[in-house]
Amino acid sequence: MKWAGLPLMAAGLFAASFAQNVQHLILTQGVIYALGGCIIYYPTLLYIDEWFVQRKGLAFGIMWAGTGAGGLIIPFVLNILLQRWGFRTTLRIWATALVILSSPLIYFLRPRIPVSRNPTSQRYVGLGFLKSPSFWLLQFGLVIESLGYFIPSLYLPTFASSLGLSRSVGTLLVALLNAAGVVATVLMGMLCDRFHVTTVIVLCSVGSTISVFLFWGLSTALPLLIVFAIVYGFFAGGFVSTNAGVMKMVKGEDPTVDMGLLIGIISAARGVGAVASGPLSEALLKGETWKGKVGLGYGSGYGGLIVFTGVTAGFGGVGFLGKRLGWM
């Protein structure tokens, strides 16, 4: 099954290079490529959960650090390719590189316990976590946090341009944001192994919220934007590692839990927030909230986005409140 994902991803990118309109891109790069990625990605999560117990958070943190590392390097590579070859050739180059670089790695993706081809009995699957208020409270916080999570990485380049900074500066800011996330995912994963997951969640939530309101909101020049990219990238980037802490908490309460379903629900919560974030952020940007009425970053036309991102980051820590109130 895992081998089917890579050809789908490559086919999606290659087909996208022939796209003539947005609908073609949605079908190829948006659906086919994403489907292939899911086929590879989710077995990887399940296998890591099988292989690691005591240091599960660290293991997941290292894996998610790869996402940040890619976000640090790939934008510069794509920018060079796009400028030299255009988007069609770039997509074909990327599809080829994906196959060449990923094929040897997929061979090593395997479960700790081989799947039986002739199962003689049905394994009991625990679904008790679906009735747990604490689990759903954490999921609620994840959805809200996800609504604003991607906004800085999407809009920092255009925000920088609105301040008169060059396009390359915008790319640099996104790279710094991702670089900070590389360190944070590993560190927060380690903390999830040592402390209750809600403690790590509130740390990430408070750090993200302060960075948005204090650094992004007050930005009028590059130095403060750099500080924001690093601080927000660290705390918001580390939030993803708390998913490992949630998995560990649920499995500790019920060892028979269906990890596939659990991972699917956690990922869906992140996905719902990410999808809804697009139209919400676009509406806020078009509204040009407080533009010309207040100073600093809040009056740049991005004020609504800044406040929305800060508020959603703050609500992401609702799980800690539930812990303090004795709900978990």
C-alpha atoms as a PDB file:
ATOM      1  CA  MET A   1       0.000   0.000   0.000  1.00  0.00           C
ATOM      2  CA  LYS A   2       2.739   2.445   0.957  1.00  0.00           C
ATOM      3  CA  TRP A   3       4.376   2.059  -2.459  1.00  0.00           C
ATOM      4  CA  ALA A   4       1.216   3.378  -4.142  1.00  0.00           C
ATOM      5  CA  GLY A   5       1.595   6.791  -2.535  1.00  0.00           C
ATOM      6  CA  LEU A   6       4.815   7.882  -4.217  1.00  0.00           C
ATOM      7  CA  PRO A   7       3.658   7.273  -7.825  1.00  0.00           C
ATOM      8  CA  LEU A   8       0.450   9.175  -7.075  1.00  0.00           C
ATOM      9  CA  MET A   9       2.384  12.138  -5.699  1.00  0.00           C
ATOM     10  CA  ALA A  10       4.726  12.208  -8.685  1.00  0.00           C
ATOM     11  CA  ALA A  11       1.826  11.789 -11.120  1.00  0.00           C
ATOM     12  CA  GLY A  12      -0.059  14.633  -9.447  1.00  0.00           C
ATOM     13  CA  LEU A  13       2.881  17.012  -9.782  1.00  0.00           C
ATOM     14  CA  PHE A  14       3.647  15.943 -13.352  1.00  0.00           C
ATOM     15  CA  ALA A  15       0.009  16.309 -14.410  1.00  0.00           C
ATOM     16  CA  ALA A  16      -0.150  19.721 -12.730  1.00  0.00           C
ATOM     17  CA  SER A  17       2.608  20.909 -15.053  1.00  0.00           C
ATOM     18  CA  PHE A  18       0.102  20.659 -17.927  1.00  0.00           C
ATOM     19  CA  ALA A  19      -2.668  22.529 -16.082  1.00  0.00           C
ATOM     20  CA  GLN A  20      -4.506  25.193 -18.053  1.00  0.00           C
ATOM     21  CA  ASN A  21      -6.698  26.561 -15.259  1.00  0.00           C
ATOM     22  CA  VAL A  22      -7.201  26.508 -11.489  1.00  0.00           C
ATOM     23  CA  GLN A  23      -9.583  23.536 -11.665  1.00  0.00           C
ATOM     24  CA  HIS A  24      -6.828  21.418 -13.203  1.00  0.00           C
ATOM     25  CA  LEU A  25      -4.454  22.382 -10.385  1.00  0.00           C
ATOM     26  CA  ILE A  26      -7.055  21.533  -7.741  1.00  0.00           C
ATOM     27  CA  LEU A  27      -7.548  18.073  -9.243  1.00  0.00           C
ATOM     28  CA  THR A  28      -3.870  17.254  -9.814  1.00  0.00           C
ATOM     29  CA  GLN A  29      -1.815  19.027  -7.170  1.00  0.00           C
ATOM     30  CA  GLY A  30      -4.699  19.443  -4.738  1.00  0.00           C
ATOM     31  CA  VAL A  31      -6.313  15.977  -4.873  1.00  0.00           C
ATOM     32  CA  ILE A  32      -4.041  13.414  -6.550  1.00  0.00           C
ATOM     33  CA  TYR A  33      -0.819  14.667  -4.967  1.00  0.00           C
ATOM     34  CA  ALA A  34      -2.468  15.001  -1.544  1.00  0.00           C
ATOM     35  CA  LEU A  35      -3.957  11.503  -1.741  1.00  0.00           C
ATOM     36  CA  GLY A  36      -0.543  10.037  -2.497  1.00  0.00           C
ATOM     37  CA  GLY A  37       0.969  11.956   0.398  1.00  0.00           C
ATOM     38  CA  CYS A  38      -1.663  10.602   2.787  1.00  0.00           C
ATOM     39  CA  ILE A  39      -0.962   7.025   1.701  1.00  0.00           C
ATOM     40  CA  ILE A  40       2.684   7.456   2.718  1.00  0.00           C
ATOM     41  CA  TYR A  41       2.247   9.789   5.684  1.00  0.00           C
ATOM     42  CA  TYR A  42      -0.288   7.955   7.842  1.00  0.00           C
ATOM     43  CA  PRO A  43       1.402   4.542   7.860  1.00  0.00           C
ATOM     44  CA  THR A  44       4.543   6.392   8.942  1.00  0.00           C
ATOM     45  CA  LEU A  45       2.707   7.826  11.955  1.00  0.00           C
ATOM     46  CA  LEU A  46       1.372   4.395  12.894  1.00  0.00           C
ATOM     47  CA  TYR A  47       4.787   2.774  12.577  1.00  0.00           C
ATOM     48  CA  ILE A  48       6.453   5.391  14.788  1.00  0.00           C
ATOM     49  CA  ASP A  49       3.781   4.814  17.423  1.00  0.00           C
ATOM     50  CA  GLU A  50       4.533   1.076  17.323  1.00  0.00           C
ATOM     51  CA  TRP A  51       8.307   1.436  17.557  1.00  0.00           C
ATOM     52  CA  PHE A  52       8.526   4.005  20.369  1.00  0.00           C
ATOM     53  CA  VAL A  53       6.980   4.037  23.851  1.00  0.00           C
ATOM     54  CA  GLN A  54       9.007   5.939  26.470  1.00  0.00           C
ATOM     55  CA  ARG A  55      10.337   8.525  24.018  1.00  0.00           C
ATOM     56  CA  LYS A  56       7.374   8.678  21.709  1.00  0.00           C
ATOM     57  CA  GLY A  57       7.213  12.477  21.860  1.00  0.00           C
ATOM     58  CA  LEU A  58      10.870  12.822  20.896  1.00  0.00           C
ATOM     59  CA  ALA A  59      10.444  10.382  18.000  1.00  0.00           C
ATOM     60  CA  PHE A  60       7.458  12.253  16.610  1.00  0.00           C
ATOM     61  CA  GLY A  61       9.223  15.557  17.214  1.00  0.00           C
ATOM     62  CA  ILE A  62      12.192  14.474  15.115  1.00  0.00           C
ATOM     63  CA  MET A  63       9.854  13.336  12.353  1.00  0.00           C
ATOM     64  CA  TRP A  64       7.937  16.628  12.354  1.00  0.00           C
ATOM     65  CA  ALA A  65      11.229  18.510  12.395  1.00  0.00           C
ATOM     66  CA  GLY A  66      11.653  17.202   8.866  1.00  0.00           C
ATOM     67  CA  THR A  67       8.661  19.302   7.837  1.00  0.00           C
ATOM     68  CA  GLY A  68      10.331  22.424   9.164  1.00  0.00           C
ATOM     69  CA  ALA A  69      13.626  21.494   7.551  1.00  0.00           C
ATOM     70  CA  GLY A  70      11.859  21.124   4.231  1.00  0.00           C
ATOM     71  CA  GLY A  71      10.187  24.472   4.746  1.00  0.00           C
ATOM     72  CA  LEU A  72      13.590  25.995   5.410  1.00  0.00           C
ATOM     73  CA  ILE A  73      15.299  24.669   2.289  1.00  0.00           C
ATOM     74  CA  ILE A  74      12.617  24.045  -0.328  1.00  0.00           C
ATOM     75  CA  PRO A  75      11.333  27.636  -0.755  1.00  0.00           C
ATOM     76  CA  PHE A  76      14.793  28.784  -1.851  1.00  0.00           C
ATOM     77  CA  VAL A  77      15.197  25.838  -4.224  1.00  0.00           C
ATOM     78  CA  LEU A  78      11.763  26.360  -5.757  1.00  0.00           C
ATOM     79  CA  ASN A  79      12.357  30.085  -6.083  1.00  0.00           C
ATOM     80  CA  ILE A  80      15.541  29.452  -8.078  1.00  0.00           C
ATOM     81  CA  LEU A  81      13.837  26.849 -10.285  1.00  0.00           C
ATOM     82  CA  LEU A  82      10.800  29.040 -10.902  1.00  0.00           C
ATOM     83  CA  GLN A  83      12.893  32.024 -11.897  1.00  0.00           C
ATOM     84  CA  ARG A  84      15.031  29.987 -14.259  1.00  0.00           C
ATOM     85  CA  TRP A  85      12.612  27.428 -15.716  1.00  0.00           C
ATOM     86  CA  GLY A  86       9.044  28.555 -14.979  1.00  0.00           C
ATOM     87  CA  PHE A  87       6.377  26.648 -13.077  1.00  0.00           C
ATOM     88  CA  ARG A  88       5.741  23.853 -15.618  1.00  0.00           C
ATOM     89  CA  THR A  89       9.333  22.654 -15.828  1.00  0.00           C
ATOM     90  CA  THR A  90       9.757  23.178 -12.083  1.00  0.00           C
ATOM     91  CA  LEU A  91       6.858  20.819 -11.350  1.00  0.00           C
ATOM     92  CA  ARG A  92       8.373  18.155 -13.613  1.00  0.00           C
ATOM     93  CA  ILE A  93      11.781  18.521 -11.994  1.00  0.00           C
ATOM     94  CA  TRP A  94      10.192  18.283  -8.566  1.00  0.00           C
ATOM     95  CA  ALA A  95       8.231  15.151  -9.491  1.00  0.00           C
ATOM     96  CA  THR A  96      11.425  13.474 -10.707  1.00  0.00           C
ATOM     97  CA  ALA A  97      13.392  14.498  -7.610  1.00  0.00           C
ATOM     98  CA  LEU A  98      10.588  13.210  -5.389  1.00  0.00           C
ATOM     99  CA  VAL A  99      10.782   9.732  -6.911  1.00  0.00           C
ATOM    100  CA  ILE A 100      14.583   9.551  -6.889  1.00  0.00           C
ATOM    101  CA  LEU A 101      15.033  10.805  -3.318  1.00  0.00           C
ATOM    102  CA  SER A 102      12.061   9.102  -1.663  1.00  0.00           C
ATOM    103  CA  SER A 103      12.073   5.632  -3.213  1.00  0.00           C
ATOM    104  CA  PRO A 104      15.044   4.320  -1.172  1.00  0.00           C
ATOM    105  CA  LEU A 105      13.470   5.617   2.055  1.00  0.00           C
ATOM    106  CA  ILE A 106      10.086   3.952   1.601  1.00  0.00           C
ATOM    107  CA  TYR A 107      11.782   0.552   1.727  1.00  0.00           C
ATOM    108  CA  PHE A 108      12.599   1.145   5.398  1.00  0.00           C
ATOM    109  CA  LEU A 109       9.017   2.025   6.373  1.00  0.00           C
ATOM    110  CA  ARG A 110       7.742  -1.066   8.119  1.00  0.00           C
ATOM    111  CA  PRO A 111       5.730  -1.924  11.253  1.00  0.00           C
ATOM    112  CA  ARG A 112       7.371  -3.329  14.370  1.00  0.00           C
ATOM    113  CA  ILE A 113       5.065  -6.344  14.258  1.00  0.00           C
ATOM    114  CA  PRO A 114       4.452  -7.708  10.734  1.00  0.00           C
ATOM    115  CA  VAL A 115       0.806  -7.740   9.731  1.00  0.00           C
ATOM    116  CA  SER A 116      -0.594 -11.264   9.703  1.00  0.00           C
ATOM    117  CA  ARG A 117      -1.884 -12.353   6.302  1.00  0.00           C
ATOM    118  CA  ASN A 118      -4.107 -15.004   7.888  1.00  0.00           C
ATOM    119  CA  PRO A 119      -5.595 -13.517  11.059  1.00  0.00           C
ATOM    120  CA  THR A 120      -7.254 -16.142  13.217  1.00  0.00           C
ATOM    121  CA  SER A 121      -9.003 -13.822  15.640  1.00  0.00           C
ATOM    122  CA  GLN A 122     -10.351 -10.309  15.790  1.00  0.00           C
ATOM    123  CA  ARG A 123      -8.450  -7.887  18.011  1.00  0.00           C
ATOM    124  CA  TYR A 124     -10.555  -5.854  20.424  1.00  0.00           C
ATOM    125  CA  VAL A 125     -10.384  -2.198  19.520  1.00  0.00           C
ATOM    126  CA  GLY A 126     -10.959   0.363  22.256  1.00  0.00           C
ATOM    127  CA  LEU A 127     -13.135   3.329  21.324  1.00  0.00           C
ATOM    128  CA  GLY A 128     -13.648   4.644  24.838  1.00  0.00           C
ATOM    129  CA  PHE A 129     -11.636   7.782  24.106  1.00  0.00           C
ATOM    130  CA  LEU A 130     -14.466   8.941  21.831  1.00  0.00           C
ATOM    131  CA  LYS A 131     -16.568   9.428  24.975  1.00  0.00           C
ATOM    132  CA  SER A 132     -13.841  11.337  26.807  1.00  0.00           C
ATOM    133  CA  PRO A 133     -14.635  15.056  27.372  1.00  0.00           C
ATOM    134  CA  SER A 134     -10.929  15.774  27.937  1.00  0.00           C
ATOM    135  CA  PHE A 135     -10.023  14.377  24.512  1.00  0.00           C
ATOM    136  CA  TRP A 136     -12.636  16.466  22.736  1.00  0.00           C
ATOM    137  CA  LEU A 137     -11.620  19.554  24.687  1.00  0.00           C
ATOM    138  CA  LEU A 138      -8.070  19.111  23.414  1.00  0.00           C
ATOM    139  CA  GLN A 139      -9.416  18.597  19.903  1.00  0.00           C
ATOM    140  CA  PHE A 140     -11.472  21.768  20.165  1.00  0.00           C
ATOM    141  CA  GLY A 141      -8.337  23.678  21.113  1.00  0.00           C
ATOM    142  CA  LEU A 142      -6.472  22.122  18.180  1.00  0.00           C
ATOM    143  CA  VAL A 143      -9.157  23.170  15.677  1.00  0.00           C
ATOM    144  CA  ILE A 144      -9.203  26.759  16.953  1.00  0.00           C
ATOM    145  CA  GLU A 145      -5.392  26.981  16.997  1.00  0.00           C
ATOM    146  CA  SER A 146      -5.261  25.620  13.445  1.00  0.00           C
ATOM    147  CA  LEU A 147      -7.507  28.414  12.183  1.00  0.00           C
ATOM    148  CA  GLY A 148      -4.660  30.869  12.639  1.00  0.00           C
ATOM    149  CA  TYR A 149      -1.626  28.585  12.620  1.00  0.00           C
ATOM    150  CA  PHE A 150      -0.791  28.892   8.912  1.00  0.00           C
ATOM    151  CA  ILE A 151      -1.625  32.589   8.507  1.00  0.00           C
ATOM    152  CA  PRO A 152       1.867  33.982   9.277  1.00  0.00           C
ATOM    153  CA  SER A 153       3.612  31.612   6.871  1.00  0.00           C
ATOM    154  CA  LEU A 154       1.096  32.522   4.149  1.00  0.00           C
ATOM    155  CA  TYR A 155       0.989  36.282   4.638  1.00  0.00           C
ATOM    156  CA  LEU A 156       4.408  37.257   5.982  1.00  0.00           C
ATOM    157  CA  PRO A 157       5.833  37.719   2.453  1.00  0.00           C
ATOM    158  CA  THR A 158       3.011  40.049   1.365  1.00  0.00           C
ATOM    159  CA  PHE A 159       3.077  41.858   4.710  1.00  0.00           C
ATOM    160  CA  ALA A 160       6.799  42.439   4.227  1.00  0.00           C
ATOM    161  CA  SER A 161       6.109  43.749   0.716  1.00  0.00           C
ATOM    162  CA  SER A 162       3.550  46.190   2.132  1.00  0.00           C
ATOM    163  CA  LEU A 163       6.371  47.619   4.244  1.00  0.00           C
ATOM    164  CA  GLY A 164       8.486  48.134   1.133  1.00  0.00           C
ATOM    165  CA  LEU A 165      10.691  45.075   1.656  1.00  0.00           C
ATOM    166  CA  SER A 166      11.801  42.871  -1.236  1.00  0.00           C
ATOM    167  CA  ARG A 167      10.358  39.508  -2.245  1.00  0.00           C
ATOM    168  CA  SER A 168      13.519  37.734  -1.121  1.00  0.00           C
ATOM    169  CA  VAL A 169      13.034  39.150   2.382  1.00  0.00           C
ATOM    170  CA  GLY A 170       9.591  37.539   2.512  1.00  0.00           C
ATOM    171  CA  THR A 171      11.113  34.194   1.563  1.00  0.00           C
ATOM    172  CA  LEU A 172      13.771  34.662   4.249  1.00  0.00           C
ATOM    173  CA  LEU A 173      11.131  35.340   6.923  1.00  0.00           C
ATOM    174  CA  VAL A 174       9.257  32.136   6.073  1.00  0.00           C
ATOM    175  CA  ALA A 175      12.546  30.228   6.148  1.00  0.00           C
ATOM    176  CA  LEU A 176      13.357  31.616   9.609  1.00  0.00           C
ATOM    177  CA  LEU A 177       9.888  30.658  10.814  1.00  0.00           C
ATOM    178  CA  ASN A 178      10.397  27.081   9.622  1.00  0.00           C
ATOM    179  CA  ALA A 179      13.945  26.917  10.985  1.00  0.00           C
ATOM    180  CA  ALA A 180      12.707  27.805  14.459  1.00  0.00           C
ATOM    181  CA  GLY A 181      10.075  25.104  14.105  1.00  0.00           C
ATOM    182  CA  VAL A 182      12.742  22.469  13.436  1.00  0.00           C
ATOM    183  CA  VAL A 183      14.256  23.054  16.869  1.00  0.00           C
ATOM    184  CA  ALA A 184      10.893  23.457  18.575  1.00  0.00           C
ATOM    185  CA  THR A 185       9.296  20.221  17.381  1.00  0.00           C
ATOM    186  CA  VAL A 186      12.145  18.182  18.834  1.00  0.00           C
ATOM    187  CA  LEU A 187      12.247  20.125  22.102  1.00  0.00           C
ATOM    188  CA  MET A 188       8.470  20.132  22.617  1.00  0.00           C
ATOM    189  CA  GLY A 189       8.382  16.434  21.803  1.00  0.00           C
ATOM    190  CA  MET A 190      10.913  15.817  24.574  1.00  0.00           C
ATOM    191  CA  LEU A 191       8.828  17.914  26.979  1.00  0.00           C
ATOM    192  CA  CYS A 192       5.732  15.850  26.130  1.00  0.00           C
ATOM    193  CA  ASP A 193       7.656  12.782  27.320  1.00  0.00           C
ATOM    194  CA  ARG A 194       8.361  14.447  30.682  1.00  0.00           C
ATOM    195  CA  PHE A 195       5.269  16.542  31.443  1.00  0.00           C
ATOM    196  CA  HIS A 196       1.516  16.358  30.954  1.00  0.00           C
ATOM    197  CA  VAL A 197       0.596  17.356  27.415  1.00  0.00           C
ATOM    198  CA  THR A 198      -1.513  20.312  28.582  1.00  0.00           C
ATOM    199  CA  THR A 199       1.577  21.901  30.142  1.00  0.00           C
ATOM    200  CA  VAL A 200       3.357  21.847  26.790  1.00  0.00           C
ATOM    201  CA  ILE A 201       0.212  23.074  25.026  1.00  0.00           C
ATOM    202  CA  VAL A 202      -0.110  26.151  27.237  1.00  0.00           C
ATOM    203  CA  LEU A 203       3.602  26.910  26.801  1.00  0.00           C
ATOM    204  CA  CYS A 204       3.217  26.889  23.015  1.00  0.00           C
ATOM    205  CA  SER A 205      -0.063  28.779  23.168  1.00  0.00           C
ATOM    206  CA  VAL A 206       1.172  31.593  25.403  1.00  0.00           C
ATOM    207  CA  GLY A 207       4.423  31.979  23.463  1.00  0.00           C
ATOM    208  CA  SER A 208       2.591  32.117  20.125  1.00  0.00           C
ATOM    209  CA  THR A 209       0.011  34.614  21.381  1.00  0.00           C
ATOM    210  CA  ILE A 210       2.580  37.000  22.837  1.00  0.00           C
ATOM    211  CA  SER A 211       4.713  36.867  19.692  1.00  0.00           C
ATOM    212  CA  VAL A 212       1.748  37.747  17.468  1.00  0.00           C
ATOM    213  CA  PHE A 213       0.397  40.673  19.482  1.00  0.00           C
ATOM    214  CA  LEU A 214       3.747  42.043  20.604  1.00  0.00           C
ATOM    215  CA  PHE A 215       6.048  41.486  17.638  1.00  0.00           C
ATOM    216  CA  TRP A 216       3.880  41.179  14.521  1.00  0.00           C
ATOM    217  CA  GLY A 217       1.342  43.730  15.684  1.00  0.00           C
ATOM    218  CA  LEU A 218       4.022  46.318  16.430  1.00  0.00           C
ATOM    219  CA  SER A 219       6.122  45.650  13.320  1.00  0.00           C
ATOM    220  CA  THR A 220       6.938  48.492  10.965  1.00  0.00           C
ATOM    221  CA  ALA A 221      10.395  47.362   9.849  1.00  0.00           C
ATOM    222  CA  LEU A 222      12.456  44.245   9.218  1.00  0.00           C
ATOM    223  CA  PRO A 223      14.181  43.759  12.629  1.00  0.00           C
ATOM    224  CA  LEU A 224      10.958  43.183  14.565  1.00  0.00           C
ATOM    225  CA  LEU A 225       9.590  40.991  11.778  1.00  0.00           C
ATOM    226  CA  ILE A 226      12.660  38.776  12.087  1.00  0.00           C
ATOM    227  CA  VAL A 227      12.087  38.476  15.835  1.00  0.00           C
ATOM    228  CA  PHE A 228       8.444  37.593  15.209  1.00  0.00           C
ATOM    229  CA  ALA A 229       9.286  34.931  12.614  1.00  0.00           C
ATOM    230  CA  ILE A 230      11.726  33.222  14.976  1.00  0.00           C
ATOM    231  CA  VAL A 231       9.625  33.415  18.154  1.00  0.00           C
ATOM    232  CA  TYR A 232       6.333  32.493  16.489  1.00  0.00           C
ATOM    233  CA  GLY A 233       8.015  29.765  14.458  1.00  0.00           C
ATOM    234  CA  PHE A 234       9.385  28.272  17.659  1.00  0.00           C
ATOM    235  CA  PHE A 235       6.238  28.226  19.778  1.00  0.00           C
ATOM    236  CA  ALA A 236       3.640  27.674  17.057  1.00  0.00           C
ATOM    237  CA  GLY A 237       5.899  25.214  15.265  1.00  0.00           C
ATOM    238  CA  GLY A 238       6.299  23.228  18.460  1.00  0.00           C
ATOM    239  CA  PHE A 239       2.527  22.933  18.897  1.00  0.00           C
ATOM    240  CA  VAL A 240       2.373  20.067  16.409  1.00  0.00           C
ATOM    241  CA  SER A 241       4.475  17.906  18.757  1.00  0.00           C
ATOM    242  CA  THR A 242       1.700  18.047  21.352  1.00  0.00           C
ATOM    243  CA  ASN A 243      -0.232  15.658  19.109  1.00  0.00           C
ATOM    244  CA  ALA A 244       2.194  12.966  20.245  1.00  0.00           C
ATOM    245  CA  GLY A 245       1.421  13.893  23.846  1.00  0.00           C
ATOM    246  CA  VAL A 246      -2.309  13.544  23.208  1.00  0.00           C
ATOM    247  CA  MET A 247      -1.750  10.121  21.639  1.00  0.00           C
ATOM    248  CA  LYS A 248       0.357   9.045  24.594  1.00  0.00           C
ATOM    249  CA  MET A 249      -2.283  10.284  27.060  1.00  0.00           C
ATOM    250  CA  VAL A 250      -5.117   8.454  25.303  1.00  0.00           C
ATOM    251  CA  LYS A 251      -3.149   5.230  24.890  1.00  0.00           C
ATOM    252  CA  GLY A 252      -2.117   5.370  28.545  1.00  0.00           C
ATOM    253  CA  GLU A 253      -5.786   5.475  29.532  1.00  0.00           C
ATOM    254  CA  ASP A 254      -6.764   2.702  27.100  1.00  0.00           C
ATOM    255  CA  PRO A 255      -3.995   0.472  25.644  1.00  0.00           C
ATOM    256  CA  THR A 256      -6.496  -1.109  23.215  1.00  0.00           C
ATOM    257  CA  VAL A 257      -7.224   2.182  21.470  1.00  0.00           C
ATOM    258  CA  ASP A 258      -7.371   2.111  17.678  1.00  0.00           C
ATOM    259  CA  MET A 259      -4.361   4.288  16.856  1.00  0.00           C
ATOM    260  CA  GLY A 260      -5.344   4.610  13.220  1.00  0.00           C
ATOM    261  CA  LEU A 261      -8.671   6.162  14.162  1.00  0.00           C
ATOM    262  CA  LEU A 262      -7.058   8.323  16.839  1.00  0.00           C
ATOM    263  CA  ILE A 263      -4.420   9.698  14.469  1.00  0.00           C
ATOM    264  CA  GLY A 264      -7.097  10.250  11.844  1.00  0.00           C
ATOM    265  CA  ILE A 265      -9.254  12.325  14.199  1.00  0.00           C
ATOM    266  CA  ILE A 266      -6.296  14.421  15.361  1.00  0.00           C
ATOM    267  CA  SER A 267      -5.221  15.048  11.773  1.00  0.00           C
ATOM    268  CA  ALA A 268      -8.795  15.867  10.758  1.00  0.00           C
ATOM    269  CA  ALA A 269      -8.992  18.481  13.507  1.00  0.00           C
ATOM    270  CA  ARG A 270      -5.863  20.139  12.159  1.00  0.00           C
ATOM    271  CA  GLY A 271      -7.203  19.834   8.614  1.00  0.00           C
ATOM    272  CA  VAL A 272     -10.579  21.410   9.405  1.00  0.00           C
ATOM    273  CA  GLY A 273      -8.857  24.432  10.888  1.00  0.00           C
ATOM    274  CA  ALA A 274      -6.423  24.715   7.987  1.00  0.00           C
ATOM    275  CA  VAL A 275      -9.158  24.540   5.333  1.00  0.00           C
ATOM    276  CA  ALA A 276     -11.390  27.058   7.112  1.00  0.00           C
ATOM    277  CA  SER A 277      -8.410  29.349   7.626  1.00  0.00           C
ATOM    278  CA  GLY A 278      -8.197  30.154   3.910  1.00  0.00           C
ATOM    279  CA  PRO A 279     -11.550  31.891   3.349  1.00  0.00           C
ATOM    280  CA  LEU A 280     -11.523  33.423   6.830  1.00  0.00           C
ATOM    281  CA  SER A 281      -8.101  35.005   6.374  1.00  0.00           C
ATOM    282  CA  GLU A 282      -9.005  36.226   2.889  1.00  0.00           C
ATOM    283  CA  ALA A 283     -12.148  37.920   4.225  1.00  0.00           C
ATOM    284  CA  LEU A 284     -10.188  39.558   7.035  1.00  0.00           C
ATOM    285  CA  LEU A 285      -7.557  40.828   4.623  1.00  0.00           C
ATOM    286  CA  LYS A 286     -10.130  42.256   2.211  1.00  0.00           C
ATOM    287  CA  GLY A 287     -11.791  44.077   5.097  1.00  0.00           C
ATOM    288  CA  GLU A 288      -8.542  45.995   5.728  1.00  0.00           C
ATOM    289  CA  THR A 289      -9.460  46.298   9.402  1.00  0.00           C
ATOM    290  CA  TRP A 290      -8.121  49.473  11.075  1.00  0.00           C
ATOM    291  CA  LYS A 291      -6.113  50.462   7.997  1.00  0.00           C
ATOM    292  CA  GLY A 292      -5.030  54.070   8.449  1.00  0.00           C
ATOM    293  CA  LYS A 293      -6.927  54.328  11.742  1.00  0.00           C
ATOM    294  CA  VAL A 294      -4.230  52.982  14.061  1.00  0.00           C
ATOM    295  CA  GLY A 295      -0.472  52.784  13.851  1.00  0.00           C
ATOM    296  CA  LEU A 296       2.164  50.082  13.511  1.00  0.00           C
ATOM    297  CA  GLY A 297       1.350  46.683  12.051  1.00  0.00           C
ATOM    298  CA  TYR A 298      -2.245  46.849  13.242  1.00  0.00           C
ATOM    299  CA  GLY A 299      -2.934  49.749  10.889  1.00  0.00           C
ATOM    300  CA  SER A 300      -1.271  48.216   7.840  1.00  0.00           C
ATOM    301  CA  GLY A 301      -4.417  46.538   6.539  1.00  0.00           C
ATOM    302  CA  TYR A 302      -3.327  43.273   8.161  1.00  0.00           C
ATOM    303  CA  GLY A 303      -4.661  44.222  11.607  1.00  0.00           C
ATOM    304  CA  GLY A 304      -7.604  41.843  11.447  1.00  0.00           C
ATOM    305  CA  LEU A 305      -5.329  38.959  10.472  1.00  0.00           C
ATOM    306  CA  ILE A 306      -2.919  39.753  13.281  1.00  0.00           C
ATOM    307  CA  VAL A 307      -5.613  39.869  15.967  1.00  0.00           C
ATOM    308  CA  PHE A 308      -7.326  36.749  14.602  1.00  0.00           C
ATOM    309  CA  THR A 309      -4.039  34.828  14.641  1.00  0.00           C
ATOM    310  CA  GLY A 310      -3.275  35.930  18.196  1.00  0.00           C
ATOM    311  CA  VAL A 311      -6.741  35.066  19.512  1.00  0.00           C
ATOM    312  CA  THR A 312      -6.789  31.605  17.924  1.00  0.00           C
ATOM    313  CA  ALA A 313      -3.311  30.901  19.289  1.00  0.00           C
ATOM    314  CA  GLY A 314      -4.552  31.816  22.754  1.00  0.00           C
ATOM    315  CA  PHE A 315      -7.622  29.587  22.507  1.00  0.00           C
ATOM    316  CA  GLY A 316      -5.346  26.720  21.523  1.00  0.00           C
ATOM    317  CA  GLY A 317      -4.395  26.459  25.199  1.00  0.00           C
ATOM    318  CA  VAL A 318      -7.943  25.695  26.349  1.00  0.00           C
ATOM    319  CA  GLY A 319      -6.841  22.170  27.300  1.00  0.00           C
ATOM    320  CA  PHE A 320      -4.673  23.583  30.088  1.00  0.00           C
ATOM    321  CA  LEU A 321      -7.721  25.345  31.519  1.00  0.00           C
ATOM    322  CA  GLY A 322      -9.589  22.048  31.469  1.00  0.00           C
ATOM    323  CA  LYS A 323      -6.734  20.400  33.365  1.00  0.00           C
ATOM    324  CA  ARG A 324      -6.760  23.156  35.989  1.00  0.00           C
ATOM    325  CA  LEU A 325     -10.504  22.760  36.427  1.00  0.00           C
ATOM    326  CA  GLY A 326     -10.088  19.021  36.981  1.00  0.00           C
ATOM    327  CA  TRP A 327     -11.732  17.900  33.759  1.00  0.00           C
ATOM    328  CA  MET A 328      -8.793  15.680  32.834  1.00  0.00           C
END
